[in-house]
Amino acid sequence: MATLLLDRADLEIRTADGALALYENGTRSQTVPLRLIDRVIIQGARTRLDTAVLLKLAEAGAATMLLSPRAGRQVAIVLGPAHNDAAVRLAQAQRTMDDTFCDDWARRLVVAKLRRQHRLLTRAEARRPDVRKPLFDARKGIADALAQAAEPGTACARLRGLEGSAARAYFHGYTALFAPELDFTGRNRRPPRDPVNACLSLAYTLLHFEAVRTAHAAGLDPLLGFYHRPAFGRESLACDLIEPLRPAVDDWIWRQFNTAQLRPEHFGTDKGACLIGKAGRGHFYAGWEQFAPLPRRWLRQRCARLAAQLRAQGEPWLEHFEDDEDF
């Protein structure tokens, strides 16, 4: 199964005999069988499609993400049919109100994330002795936060503070890995103001999309998180799931710039926002498809384990309702 990236201006998409037909200037340029498509990312300006296309994709189990043409910001996600196992969602909703469960879930997420951040900077220090001091200081800050976060019984509120302090230390070291001409001095977004942040934002958006679609496919509700509390318009469970994967994305972004797959000339600015140009997006998405199978596999495994755990807890409630003669 593959990703179909639509990143060309004035593209029209139609359905034809179990496939998507792509038209440019009224002429069919490509045909892609639906059975080969796992996900669709649409970022091209003035891309035209109708509900029949979205319906066919959903029926085929392919999720569609719509990105703003220039900034790469998520606008909408269209998913396939929902999983029919109500037991999973019943238990998931109940667990969001279980402080002990949420604290334990959050602690494991944060500890995994901080360990991976520390490991990334440790490897980077061996490769970049010229910036050993900021990397050493960053690792120390992460290690201090990690020691406290790993303590059993650490509550979510405390974990958020420790994660924040670790993030400040981490980005102090991470920024030192990039060339000065990239003007990367720390994490910023909405809009990202430099090439590295533009890439981080787009990569995190793609990773979040994978978490939403994987959770949905496993029968989980992407809106109901345990560390990121449920909030209006936010897929909080997806936010939870991607936290341990962020350092892997950061490492991949560093390698893209370090190997000159992405370069300053691939970027431009508009009203203070740094935008990835067409050529840069080509390099970015090609590299992403080589990198993405590993986090996708991790998400599938993690969602499957969580769904199985919740299903076992929720099934007795379904039996109770079914056996209740007065219901």
C-alpha atoms as a PDB file:
ATOM      1  CA  MET A   1       0.000   0.000   0.000  1.00  0.00           C
ATOM      2  CA  ALA A   2       1.243   3.485  -0.853  1.00  0.00           C
ATOM      3  CA  THR A   3       0.852   7.189  -0.252  1.00  0.00           C
ATOM      4  CA  LEU A   4      -0.631   9.275  -3.051  1.00  0.00           C
ATOM      5  CA  LEU A   5       0.710  12.821  -2.843  1.00  0.00           C
ATOM      6  CA  LEU A   6      -1.145  15.417  -4.913  1.00  0.00           C
ATOM      7  CA  ASP A   7       1.017  18.534  -4.952  1.00  0.00           C
ATOM      8  CA  ARG A   8       0.439  20.023  -8.407  1.00  0.00           C
ATOM      9  CA  ALA A   9      -1.588  23.100  -9.265  1.00  0.00           C
ATOM     10  CA  ASP A  10      -4.862  22.817 -11.181  1.00  0.00           C
ATOM     11  CA  LEU A  11      -5.155  19.063 -10.801  1.00  0.00           C
ATOM     12  CA  GLU A  12      -8.534  17.334 -11.208  1.00  0.00           C
ATOM     13  CA  ILE A  13      -9.242  13.947  -9.661  1.00  0.00           C
ATOM     14  CA  ARG A  14     -11.965  11.612 -10.885  1.00  0.00           C
ATOM     15  CA  THR A  15     -12.924   8.000 -10.255  1.00  0.00           C
ATOM     16  CA  ALA A  16     -12.704   5.473 -13.063  1.00  0.00           C
ATOM     17  CA  ASP A  17     -13.094   1.672 -12.909  1.00  0.00           C
ATOM     18  CA  GLY A  18     -11.725   1.127  -9.436  1.00  0.00           C
ATOM     19  CA  ALA A  19      -9.010   3.750  -9.814  1.00  0.00           C
ATOM     20  CA  LEU A  20      -8.324   7.439  -9.415  1.00  0.00           C
ATOM     21  CA  ALA A  21      -7.739   9.263 -12.669  1.00  0.00           C
ATOM     22  CA  LEU A  22      -5.635  12.428 -12.495  1.00  0.00           C
ATOM     23  CA  TYR A  23      -6.252  15.134 -15.082  1.00  0.00           C
ATOM     24  CA  GLU A  24      -4.086  18.126 -15.948  1.00  0.00           C
ATOM     25  CA  ASN A  25      -5.474  20.733 -18.337  1.00  0.00           C
ATOM     26  CA  GLY A  26      -8.286  18.357 -19.226  1.00  0.00           C
ATOM     27  CA  THR A  27      -5.961  15.500 -20.201  1.00  0.00           C
ATOM     28  CA  ARG A  28      -5.572  12.327 -18.161  1.00  0.00           C
ATOM     29  CA  SER A  29      -1.999  12.203 -16.897  1.00  0.00           C
ATOM     30  CA  GLN A  30      -2.059   9.243 -14.530  1.00  0.00           C
ATOM     31  CA  THR A  31      -4.277   6.445 -13.208  1.00  0.00           C
ATOM     32  CA  VAL A  32      -3.788   4.956  -9.744  1.00  0.00           C
ATOM     33  CA  PRO A  33      -5.706   1.801  -8.672  1.00  0.00           C
ATOM     34  CA  LEU A  34      -7.606   2.371  -5.427  1.00  0.00           C
ATOM     35  CA  ARG A  35      -6.408  -0.967  -4.035  1.00  0.00           C
ATOM     36  CA  LEU A  36      -2.836   0.389  -3.978  1.00  0.00           C
ATOM     37  CA  ILE A  37      -3.668   3.547  -2.022  1.00  0.00           C
ATOM     38  CA  ASP A  38      -3.352   3.605   1.747  1.00  0.00           C
ATOM     39  CA  ARG A  39      -3.445   7.379   2.282  1.00  0.00           C
ATOM     40  CA  VAL A  40      -3.855  10.528   0.177  1.00  0.00           C
ATOM     41  CA  ILE A  41      -2.224  13.880   0.931  1.00  0.00           C
ATOM     42  CA  ILE A  42      -3.572  16.837  -1.036  1.00  0.00           C
ATOM     43  CA  GLN A  43      -1.516  20.023  -0.988  1.00  0.00           C
ATOM     44  CA  GLY A  44      -1.748  21.281  -4.551  1.00  0.00           C
ATOM     45  CA  ALA A  45      -3.398  24.633  -5.211  1.00  0.00           C
ATOM     46  CA  ARG A  46      -6.835  24.537  -6.850  1.00  0.00           C
ATOM     47  CA  THR A  47      -7.074  20.745  -6.720  1.00  0.00           C
ATOM     48  CA  ARG A  48     -10.572  19.723  -7.805  1.00  0.00           C
ATOM     49  CA  LEU A  49     -12.432  16.605  -6.693  1.00  0.00           C
ATOM     50  CA  ASP A  50     -16.006  15.750  -5.787  1.00  0.00           C
ATOM     51  CA  THR A  51     -17.650  13.701  -3.048  1.00  0.00           C
ATOM     52  CA  ALA A  52     -17.574  10.581  -5.248  1.00  0.00           C
ATOM     53  CA  VAL A  53     -13.770  10.571  -5.002  1.00  0.00           C
ATOM     54  CA  LEU A  54     -13.792  10.943  -1.217  1.00  0.00           C
ATOM     55  CA  LEU A  55     -16.470   8.253  -0.960  1.00  0.00           C
ATOM     56  CA  LYS A  56     -14.459   5.783  -3.030  1.00  0.00           C
ATOM     57  CA  LEU A  57     -11.326   6.466  -1.000  1.00  0.00           C
ATOM     58  CA  ALA A  58     -13.186   6.019   2.278  1.00  0.00           C
ATOM     59  CA  GLU A  59     -14.784   2.781   1.076  1.00  0.00           C
ATOM     60  CA  ALA A  60     -11.325   1.529   0.129  1.00  0.00           C
ATOM     61  CA  GLY A  61     -10.064   2.317   3.648  1.00  0.00           C
ATOM     62  CA  ALA A  62      -7.770   5.117   2.489  1.00  0.00           C
ATOM     63  CA  ALA A  63      -7.599   8.227   4.663  1.00  0.00           C
ATOM     64  CA  THR A  64      -7.320  11.652   3.039  1.00  0.00           C
ATOM     65  CA  MET A  65      -5.592  14.692   4.507  1.00  0.00           C
ATOM     66  CA  LEU A  66      -6.064  18.171   3.067  1.00  0.00           C
ATOM     67  CA  LEU A  67      -3.177  20.576   3.640  1.00  0.00           C
ATOM     68  CA  SER A  68      -3.108  24.294   2.948  1.00  0.00           C
ATOM     69  CA  PRO A  69      -1.304  24.636  -0.406  1.00  0.00           C
ATOM     70  CA  ARG A  70       1.585  26.781   0.793  1.00  0.00           C
ATOM     71  CA  ALA A  71       1.952  26.505   4.560  1.00  0.00           C
ATOM     72  CA  GLY A  72       1.422  22.753   4.877  1.00  0.00           C
ATOM     73  CA  ARG A  73      -1.093  23.260   7.692  1.00  0.00           C
ATOM     74  CA  GLN A  74      -3.705  20.553   8.228  1.00  0.00           C
ATOM     75  CA  VAL A  75      -7.144  21.718   7.121  1.00  0.00           C
ATOM     76  CA  ALA A  76      -9.155  18.488   7.279  1.00  0.00           C
ATOM     77  CA  ILE A  77      -8.911  14.711   7.534  1.00  0.00           C
ATOM     78  CA  VAL A  78     -11.393  12.349   5.896  1.00  0.00           C
ATOM     79  CA  LEU A  79     -11.377   8.844   7.343  1.00  0.00           C
ATOM     80  CA  GLY A  80     -12.978   5.592   6.271  1.00  0.00           C
ATOM     81  CA  PRO A  81     -15.832   3.793   8.047  1.00  0.00           C
ATOM     82  CA  ALA A  82     -15.517   3.649  11.823  1.00  0.00           C
ATOM     83  CA  HIS A  83     -14.603   0.427  13.588  1.00  0.00           C
ATOM     84  CA  ASN A  84     -17.708  -1.358  14.886  1.00  0.00           C
ATOM     85  CA  ASP A  85     -16.360  -2.474  18.273  1.00  0.00           C
ATOM     86  CA  ALA A  86     -18.160  -0.247  20.789  1.00  0.00           C
ATOM     87  CA  ALA A  87     -16.475  -2.007  23.727  1.00  0.00           C
ATOM     88  CA  VAL A  88     -13.175  -0.288  22.913  1.00  0.00           C
ATOM     89  CA  ARG A  89     -14.639   3.212  22.952  1.00  0.00           C
ATOM     90  CA  LEU A  90     -16.711   2.562  26.074  1.00  0.00           C
ATOM     91  CA  ALA A  91     -13.584   1.563  27.985  1.00  0.00           C
ATOM     92  CA  GLN A  92     -11.540   4.375  26.428  1.00  0.00           C
ATOM     93  CA  ALA A  93     -14.041   6.993  27.581  1.00  0.00           C
ATOM     94  CA  GLN A  94     -14.058   5.501  31.074  1.00  0.00           C
ATOM     95  CA  ARG A  95     -10.260   5.497  31.225  1.00  0.00           C
ATOM     96  CA  THR A  96     -10.063   9.211  30.421  1.00  0.00           C
ATOM     97  CA  MET A  97     -11.617   9.765  33.852  1.00  0.00           C
ATOM     98  CA  ASP A  98      -9.305   7.317  35.644  1.00  0.00           C
ATOM     99  CA  ASP A  99      -6.485   9.422  37.120  1.00  0.00           C
ATOM    100  CA  THR A 100      -4.312   6.420  37.954  1.00  0.00           C
ATOM    101  CA  PHE A 101      -4.506   5.063  34.412  1.00  0.00           C
ATOM    102  CA  CYS A 102      -3.883   8.496  32.873  1.00  0.00           C
ATOM    103  CA  ASP A 103      -0.896   9.188  35.111  1.00  0.00           C
ATOM    104  CA  ASP A 104       0.696   5.820  34.310  1.00  0.00           C
ATOM    105  CA  TRP A 105       0.033   6.235  30.565  1.00  0.00           C
ATOM    106  CA  ALA A 106       1.478   9.746  30.589  1.00  0.00           C
ATOM    107  CA  ARG A 107       4.552   8.742  32.578  1.00  0.00           C
ATOM    108  CA  ARG A 108       5.439   6.008  30.092  1.00  0.00           C
ATOM    109  CA  LEU A 109       4.974   8.370  27.144  1.00  0.00           C
ATOM    110  CA  VAL A 110       7.082  11.143  28.630  1.00  0.00           C
ATOM    111  CA  VAL A 111       9.834   8.795  29.811  1.00  0.00           C
ATOM    112  CA  ALA A 112      10.051   7.218  26.345  1.00  0.00           C
ATOM    113  CA  LYS A 113      10.214  10.636  24.689  1.00  0.00           C
ATOM    114  CA  LEU A 114      12.905  11.978  27.026  1.00  0.00           C
ATOM    115  CA  ARG A 115      15.011   8.844  26.666  1.00  0.00           C
ATOM    116  CA  ARG A 116      14.923   9.160  22.893  1.00  0.00           C
ATOM    117  CA  GLN A 117      15.793  12.854  23.057  1.00  0.00           C
ATOM    118  CA  HIS A 118      18.762  12.032  25.273  1.00  0.00           C
ATOM    119  CA  ARG A 119      19.847   9.233  22.938  1.00  0.00           C
ATOM    120  CA  LEU A 120      19.652  11.509  19.875  1.00  0.00           C
ATOM    121  CA  LEU A 121      21.871  14.141  21.505  1.00  0.00           C
ATOM    122  CA  THR A 122      24.313  11.494  22.737  1.00  0.00           C
ATOM    123  CA  ARG A 123      24.784  10.222  19.186  1.00  0.00           C
ATOM    124  CA  ALA A 124      25.020  13.782  17.905  1.00  0.00           C
ATOM    125  CA  GLU A 125      27.733  14.635  20.420  1.00  0.00           C
ATOM    126  CA  ALA A 126      29.885  11.814  19.087  1.00  0.00           C
ATOM    127  CA  ARG A 127      29.487  13.173  15.549  1.00  0.00           C
ATOM    128  CA  ARG A 128      29.752  16.866  16.343  1.00  0.00           C
ATOM    129  CA  PRO A 129      32.536  17.461  18.896  1.00  0.00           C
ATOM    130  CA  ASP A 130      32.584  21.114  17.777  1.00  0.00           C
ATOM    131  CA  VAL A 131      29.276  21.699  19.615  1.00  0.00           C
ATOM    132  CA  ARG A 132      29.940  19.364  22.527  1.00  0.00           C
ATOM    133  CA  LYS A 133      29.212  21.968  25.220  1.00  0.00           C
ATOM    134  CA  PRO A 134      25.590  22.808  24.275  1.00  0.00           C
ATOM    135  CA  LEU A 135      24.890  19.129  23.612  1.00  0.00           C
ATOM    136  CA  PHE A 136      26.340  18.100  26.987  1.00  0.00           C
ATOM    137  CA  ASP A 137      24.331  20.781  28.793  1.00  0.00           C
ATOM    138  CA  ALA A 138      21.171  19.740  26.971  1.00  0.00           C
ATOM    139  CA  ARG A 139      21.666  16.092  27.852  1.00  0.00           C
ATOM    140  CA  LYS A 140      22.139  16.995  31.500  1.00  0.00           C
ATOM    141  CA  GLY A 141      18.890  18.966  31.552  1.00  0.00           C
ATOM    142  CA  ILE A 142      17.018  16.080  29.960  1.00  0.00           C
ATOM    143  CA  ALA A 143      18.582  13.551  32.322  1.00  0.00           C
ATOM    144  CA  ASP A 144      17.507  15.584  35.356  1.00  0.00           C
ATOM    145  CA  ALA A 145      13.914  15.776  34.080  1.00  0.00           C
ATOM    146  CA  LEU A 146      13.953  12.097  33.130  1.00  0.00           C
ATOM    147  CA  ALA A 147      15.019  10.985  36.613  1.00  0.00           C
ATOM    148  CA  GLN A 148      12.015  12.768  38.113  1.00  0.00           C
ATOM    149  CA  ALA A 149       9.548  11.731  35.410  1.00  0.00           C
ATOM    150  CA  ALA A 150      10.448   8.054  35.820  1.00  0.00           C
ATOM    151  CA  GLU A 151       9.406   8.026  39.482  1.00  0.00           C
ATOM    152  CA  PRO A 152       6.266   5.860  39.937  1.00  0.00           C
ATOM    153  CA  GLY A 153       3.145   7.823  40.723  1.00  0.00           C
ATOM    154  CA  THR A 154       4.248  11.056  39.022  1.00  0.00           C
ATOM    155  CA  ALA A 155       1.033  12.895  38.115  1.00  0.00           C
ATOM    156  CA  CYS A 156       0.190  14.292  34.679  1.00  0.00           C
ATOM    157  CA  ALA A 157       0.476  17.900  35.849  1.00  0.00           C
ATOM    158  CA  ARG A 158       3.985  17.298  37.156  1.00  0.00           C
ATOM    159  CA  LEU A 159       4.940  15.439  33.985  1.00  0.00           C
ATOM    160  CA  ARG A 160       3.904  18.394  31.838  1.00  0.00           C
ATOM    161  CA  GLY A 161       6.247  20.639  33.777  1.00  0.00           C
ATOM    162  CA  LEU A 162       9.115  18.171  33.487  1.00  0.00           C
ATOM    163  CA  GLU A 163       8.470  17.691  29.772  1.00  0.00           C
ATOM    164  CA  GLY A 164       8.541  21.461  29.310  1.00  0.00           C
ATOM    165  CA  SER A 165      11.848  21.878  31.132  1.00  0.00           C
ATOM    166  CA  ALA A 166      13.337  18.982  29.150  1.00  0.00           C
ATOM    167  CA  ALA A 167      12.133  20.563  25.893  1.00  0.00           C
ATOM    168  CA  ARG A 168      13.918  23.819  26.695  1.00  0.00           C
ATOM    169  CA  ALA A 169      17.144  21.943  27.395  1.00  0.00           C
ATOM    170  CA  TYR A 170      16.716  19.710  24.359  1.00  0.00           C
ATOM    171  CA  PHE A 171      16.230  22.491  21.831  1.00  0.00           C
ATOM    172  CA  HIS A 172      19.213  24.353  23.270  1.00  0.00           C
ATOM    173  CA  GLY A 173      21.310  21.398  22.104  1.00  0.00           C
ATOM    174  CA  TYR A 174      19.323  20.493  18.990  1.00  0.00           C
ATOM    175  CA  THR A 175      19.596  23.966  17.466  1.00  0.00           C
ATOM    176  CA  ALA A 176      23.395  23.753  17.697  1.00  0.00           C
ATOM    177  CA  LEU A 177      23.373  20.962  15.109  1.00  0.00           C
ATOM    178  CA  PHE A 178      22.222  23.191  12.248  1.00  0.00           C
ATOM    179  CA  ALA A 179      24.111  25.649  10.073  1.00  0.00           C
ATOM    180  CA  PRO A 180      23.842  29.310  11.159  1.00  0.00           C
ATOM    181  CA  GLU A 181      22.397  30.374   7.789  1.00  0.00           C
ATOM    182  CA  LEU A 182      19.242  28.398   8.594  1.00  0.00           C
ATOM    183  CA  ASP A 183      18.557  30.844  11.454  1.00  0.00           C
ATOM    184  CA  PHE A 184      17.210  28.049  13.659  1.00  0.00           C
ATOM    185  CA  THR A 185      17.360  29.332  17.235  1.00  0.00           C
ATOM    186  CA  GLY A 186      14.515  27.364  18.834  1.00  0.00           C
ATOM    187  CA  ARG A 187      11.093  25.875  18.251  1.00  0.00           C
ATOM    188  CA  ASN A 188       8.507  28.245  16.781  1.00  0.00           C
ATOM    189  CA  ARG A 189       5.295  27.659  14.828  1.00  0.00           C
ATOM    190  CA  ARG A 190       2.046  29.230  13.639  1.00  0.00           C
ATOM    191  CA  PRO A 191       3.800  30.276  11.521  1.00  0.00           C
ATOM    192  CA  PRO A 192       7.246  28.659  11.513  1.00  0.00           C
ATOM    193  CA  ARG A 193       9.847  31.338  10.863  1.00  0.00           C
ATOM    194  CA  ASP A 194      12.839  29.344   9.578  1.00  0.00           C
ATOM    195  CA  PRO A 195      13.457  26.308   7.350  1.00  0.00           C
ATOM    196  CA  VAL A 196      14.001  23.828  10.184  1.00  0.00           C
ATOM    197  CA  ASN A 197      10.807  24.808  11.960  1.00  0.00           C
ATOM    198  CA  ALA A 198       8.897  24.689   8.667  1.00  0.00           C
ATOM    199  CA  CYS A 199      10.051  21.094   8.215  1.00  0.00           C
ATOM    200  CA  LEU A 200       9.393  20.132  11.827  1.00  0.00           C
ATOM    201  CA  SER A 201       5.851  21.496  11.623  1.00  0.00           C
ATOM    202  CA  LEU A 202       5.063  19.650   8.398  1.00  0.00           C
ATOM    203  CA  ALA A 203       6.608  16.402   9.657  1.00  0.00           C
ATOM    204  CA  TYR A 204       4.700  16.572  12.952  1.00  0.00           C
ATOM    205  CA  THR A 205       1.498  17.237  10.965  1.00  0.00           C
ATOM    206  CA  LEU A 206       2.085  14.139   8.832  1.00  0.00           C
ATOM    207  CA  LEU A 207       2.890  12.066  11.910  1.00  0.00           C
ATOM    208  CA  HIS A 208      -0.284  13.301  13.634  1.00  0.00           C
ATOM    209  CA  PHE A 209      -2.289  12.273  10.552  1.00  0.00           C
ATOM    210  CA  GLU A 210      -0.809   8.775  10.767  1.00  0.00           C
ATOM    211  CA  ALA A 211      -1.770   8.567  14.453  1.00  0.00           C
ATOM    212  CA  VAL A 212      -5.349   9.671  13.745  1.00  0.00           C
ATOM    213  CA  ARG A 213      -5.897   7.178  10.940  1.00  0.00           C
ATOM    214  CA  THR A 214      -4.196   4.310  12.820  1.00  0.00           C
ATOM    215  CA  ALA A 215      -6.183   4.924  16.001  1.00  0.00           C
ATOM    216  CA  HIS A 216      -9.406   5.124  13.978  1.00  0.00           C
ATOM    217  CA  ALA A 217      -8.614   1.871  12.164  1.00  0.00           C
ATOM    218  CA  ALA A 218      -7.980   0.118  15.498  1.00  0.00           C
ATOM    219  CA  GLY A 219     -11.390   1.138  16.861  1.00  0.00           C
ATOM    220  CA  LEU A 220     -10.037   3.852  19.134  1.00  0.00           C
ATOM    221  CA  ASP A 221     -11.461   7.356  19.327  1.00  0.00           C
ATOM    222  CA  PRO A 222      -8.681   9.760  18.248  1.00  0.00           C
ATOM    223  CA  LEU A 223     -10.344  12.554  20.275  1.00  0.00           C
ATOM    224  CA  LEU A 224     -10.085  10.846  23.660  1.00  0.00           C
ATOM    225  CA  GLY A 225      -6.553  11.140  25.029  1.00  0.00           C
ATOM    226  CA  PHE A 226      -5.142  10.348  28.449  1.00  0.00           C
ATOM    227  CA  TYR A 227      -2.130  12.685  28.682  1.00  0.00           C
ATOM    228  CA  HIS A 228      -3.458  15.364  26.365  1.00  0.00           C
ATOM    229  CA  ARG A 229      -6.883  15.808  27.884  1.00  0.00           C
ATOM    230  CA  PRO A 230      -9.947  15.739  25.605  1.00  0.00           C
ATOM    231  CA  ALA A 231     -10.534  19.215  24.167  1.00  0.00           C
ATOM    232  CA  PHE A 232     -12.777  20.677  21.510  1.00  0.00           C
ATOM    233  CA  GLY A 233     -11.449  20.084  17.995  1.00  0.00           C
ATOM    234  CA  ARG A 234      -8.287  18.239  19.074  1.00  0.00           C
ATOM    235  CA  GLU A 235      -7.415  14.595  18.404  1.00  0.00           C
ATOM    236  CA  SER A 236      -5.935  14.216  21.860  1.00  0.00           C
ATOM    237  CA  LEU A 237      -5.154  10.500  21.627  1.00  0.00           C
ATOM    238  CA  ALA A 238      -3.205  11.147  18.415  1.00  0.00           C
ATOM    239  CA  CYS A 239      -1.291  13.879  20.280  1.00  0.00           C
ATOM    240  CA  ASP A 240      -0.473  11.313  22.959  1.00  0.00           C
ATOM    241  CA  LEU A 241       0.681   8.672  20.527  1.00  0.00           C
ATOM    242  CA  ILE A 242       3.152  10.815  18.606  1.00  0.00           C
ATOM    243  CA  GLU A 243       5.035  12.148  21.658  1.00  0.00           C
ATOM    244  CA  PRO A 244       7.576   9.278  21.843  1.00  0.00           C
ATOM    245  CA  LEU A 245       8.069   9.510  18.063  1.00  0.00           C
ATOM    246  CA  ARG A 246       8.972  13.196  17.897  1.00  0.00           C
ATOM    247  CA  PRO A 247      12.713  12.630  18.560  1.00  0.00           C
ATOM    248  CA  ALA A 248      12.839  10.193  15.633  1.00  0.00           C
ATOM    249  CA  VAL A 249      11.317  12.891  13.417  1.00  0.00           C
ATOM    250  CA  ASP A 250      13.817  15.430  14.760  1.00  0.00           C
ATOM    251  CA  ASP A 251      16.671  13.073  13.932  1.00  0.00           C
ATOM    252  CA  TRP A 252      15.326  12.601  10.397  1.00  0.00           C
ATOM    253  CA  ILE A 253      14.998  16.372   9.878  1.00  0.00           C
ATOM    254  CA  TRP A 254      18.596  16.866  11.031  1.00  0.00           C
ATOM    255  CA  ARG A 255      19.788  14.248   8.547  1.00  0.00           C
ATOM    256  CA  GLN A 256      17.869  15.906   5.694  1.00  0.00           C
ATOM    257  CA  PHE A 257      19.734  19.164   6.253  1.00  0.00           C
ATOM    258  CA  ASN A 258      23.025  17.532   7.195  1.00  0.00           C
ATOM    259  CA  THR A 259      23.121  15.610   3.923  1.00  0.00           C
ATOM    260  CA  ALA A 260      21.892  18.641   1.911  1.00  0.00           C
ATOM    261  CA  GLN A 261      18.710  16.910   0.807  1.00  0.00           C
ATOM    262  CA  LEU A 262      17.103  20.112   2.059  1.00  0.00           C
ATOM    263  CA  ARG A 263      18.916  23.413   1.570  1.00  0.00           C
ATOM    264  CA  PRO A 264      18.204  27.083   2.262  1.00  0.00           C
ATOM    265  CA  GLU A 265      17.319  27.724  -1.384  1.00  0.00           C
ATOM    266  CA  HIS A 266      14.389  25.293  -1.030  1.00  0.00           C
ATOM    267  CA  PHE A 267      12.605  27.810   1.215  1.00  0.00           C
ATOM    268  CA  GLY A 268      11.030  31.229   0.955  1.00  0.00           C
ATOM    269  CA  THR A 269       9.219  33.656   3.235  1.00  0.00           C
ATOM    270  CA  ASP A 270       5.808  35.279   3.070  1.00  0.00           C
ATOM    271  CA  LYS A 271       4.532  37.693   5.742  1.00  0.00           C
ATOM    272  CA  GLY A 272       6.975  36.330   8.300  1.00  0.00           C
ATOM    273  CA  ALA A 273       6.218  32.672   7.568  1.00  0.00           C
ATOM    274  CA  CYS A 274       8.866  30.339   6.195  1.00  0.00           C
ATOM    275  CA  LEU A 275       7.455  28.216   3.369  1.00  0.00           C
ATOM    276  CA  ILE A 276       8.837  25.100   1.712  1.00  0.00           C
ATOM    277  CA  GLY A 277       9.037  25.645  -2.053  1.00  0.00           C
ATOM    278  CA  LYS A 278       7.892  23.150  -4.653  1.00  0.00           C
ATOM    279  CA  ALA A 279      11.365  21.641  -5.153  1.00  0.00           C
ATOM    280  CA  GLY A 280      11.876  21.440  -1.403  1.00  0.00           C
ATOM    281  CA  ARG A 281       8.547  19.667  -0.925  1.00  0.00           C
ATOM    282  CA  GLY A 282       9.607  17.129  -3.532  1.00  0.00           C
ATOM    283  CA  HIS A 283      12.755  16.295  -1.549  1.00  0.00           C
ATOM    284  CA  PHE A 284      10.871  16.395   1.739  1.00  0.00           C
ATOM    285  CA  TYR A 285       8.104  13.986   0.753  1.00  0.00           C
ATOM    286  CA  ALA A 286      10.495  11.588  -0.982  1.00  0.00           C
ATOM    287  CA  GLY A 287      12.558  11.378   2.194  1.00  0.00           C
ATOM    288  CA  TRP A 288       9.462  11.134   4.374  1.00  0.00           C
ATOM    289  CA  GLU A 289       8.182   8.059   2.539  1.00  0.00           C
ATOM    290  CA  GLN A 290      11.508   6.325   3.182  1.00  0.00           C
ATOM    291  CA  PHE A 291      11.431   7.276   6.862  1.00  0.00           C
ATOM    292  CA  ALA A 292       7.723   6.795   7.646  1.00  0.00           C
ATOM    293  CA  PRO A 293       7.338   2.960   7.612  1.00  0.00           C
ATOM    294  CA  LEU A 294       9.027   2.602  11.018  1.00  0.00           C
ATOM    295  CA  PRO A 295       6.794   5.082  12.934  1.00  0.00           C
ATOM    296  CA  ARG A 296       3.750   3.748  11.075  1.00  0.00           C
ATOM    297  CA  ARG A 297       4.563   0.224  12.263  1.00  0.00           C
ATOM    298  CA  TRP A 298       5.081   1.475  15.833  1.00  0.00           C
ATOM    299  CA  LEU A 299       1.702   3.236  15.760  1.00  0.00           C
ATOM    300  CA  ARG A 300      -0.084   0.133  14.458  1.00  0.00           C
ATOM    301  CA  GLN A 301       1.434  -2.025  17.180  1.00  0.00           C
ATOM    302  CA  ARG A 302       0.755   0.485  19.938  1.00  0.00           C
ATOM    303  CA  CYS A 303      -2.850   1.071  18.860  1.00  0.00           C
ATOM    304  CA  ALA A 304      -3.509  -2.659  18.519  1.00  0.00           C
ATOM    305  CA  ARG A 305      -2.240  -3.318  22.060  1.00  0.00           C
ATOM    306  CA  LEU A 306      -4.239  -0.446  23.519  1.00  0.00           C
ATOM    307  CA  ALA A 307      -7.411  -1.492  21.687  1.00  0.00           C
ATOM    308  CA  ALA A 308      -7.055  -5.105  22.873  1.00  0.00           C
ATOM    309  CA  GLN A 309      -6.599  -3.931  26.460  1.00  0.00           C
ATOM    310  CA  LEU A 310      -9.626  -1.647  26.310  1.00  0.00           C
ATOM    311  CA  ARG A 311     -11.773  -4.234  24.510  1.00  0.00           C
ATOM    312  CA  ALA A 312     -11.280  -6.694  27.345  1.00  0.00           C
ATOM    313  CA  GLN A 313     -12.395  -4.036  29.819  1.00  0.00           C
ATOM    314  CA  GLY A 314     -15.361  -2.844  27.774  1.00  0.00           C
ATOM    315  CA  GLU A 315     -16.912  -6.127  26.686  1.00  0.00           C
ATOM    316  CA  PRO A 316     -18.660  -6.829  30.038  1.00  0.00           C
ATOM    317  CA  TRP A 317     -20.578  -3.579  29.657  1.00  0.00           C
ATOM    318  CA  LEU A 318     -21.816  -4.639  26.229  1.00  0.00           C
ATOM    319  CA  GLU A 319     -22.938  -7.989  27.640  1.00  0.00           C
ATOM    320  CA  HIS A 320     -24.750  -6.195  30.453  1.00  0.00           C
ATOM    321  CA  PHE A 321     -26.691  -4.027  28.024  1.00  0.00           C
ATOM    322  CA  GLU A 322     -27.530  -6.948  25.741  1.00  0.00           C
ATOM    323  CA  ASP A 323     -28.762  -9.129  28.615  1.00  0.00           C
ATOM    324  CA  ASP A 324     -30.838  -6.387  30.235  1.00  0.00           C
ATOM    325  CA  GLU A 325     -34.428  -7.274  29.339  1.00  0.00           C
ATOM    326  CA  ASP A 326     -35.660  -3.801  30.282  1.00  0.00           C
ATOM    327  CA  PHE A 327     -33.188  -1.985  28.069  1.00  0.00           C
END
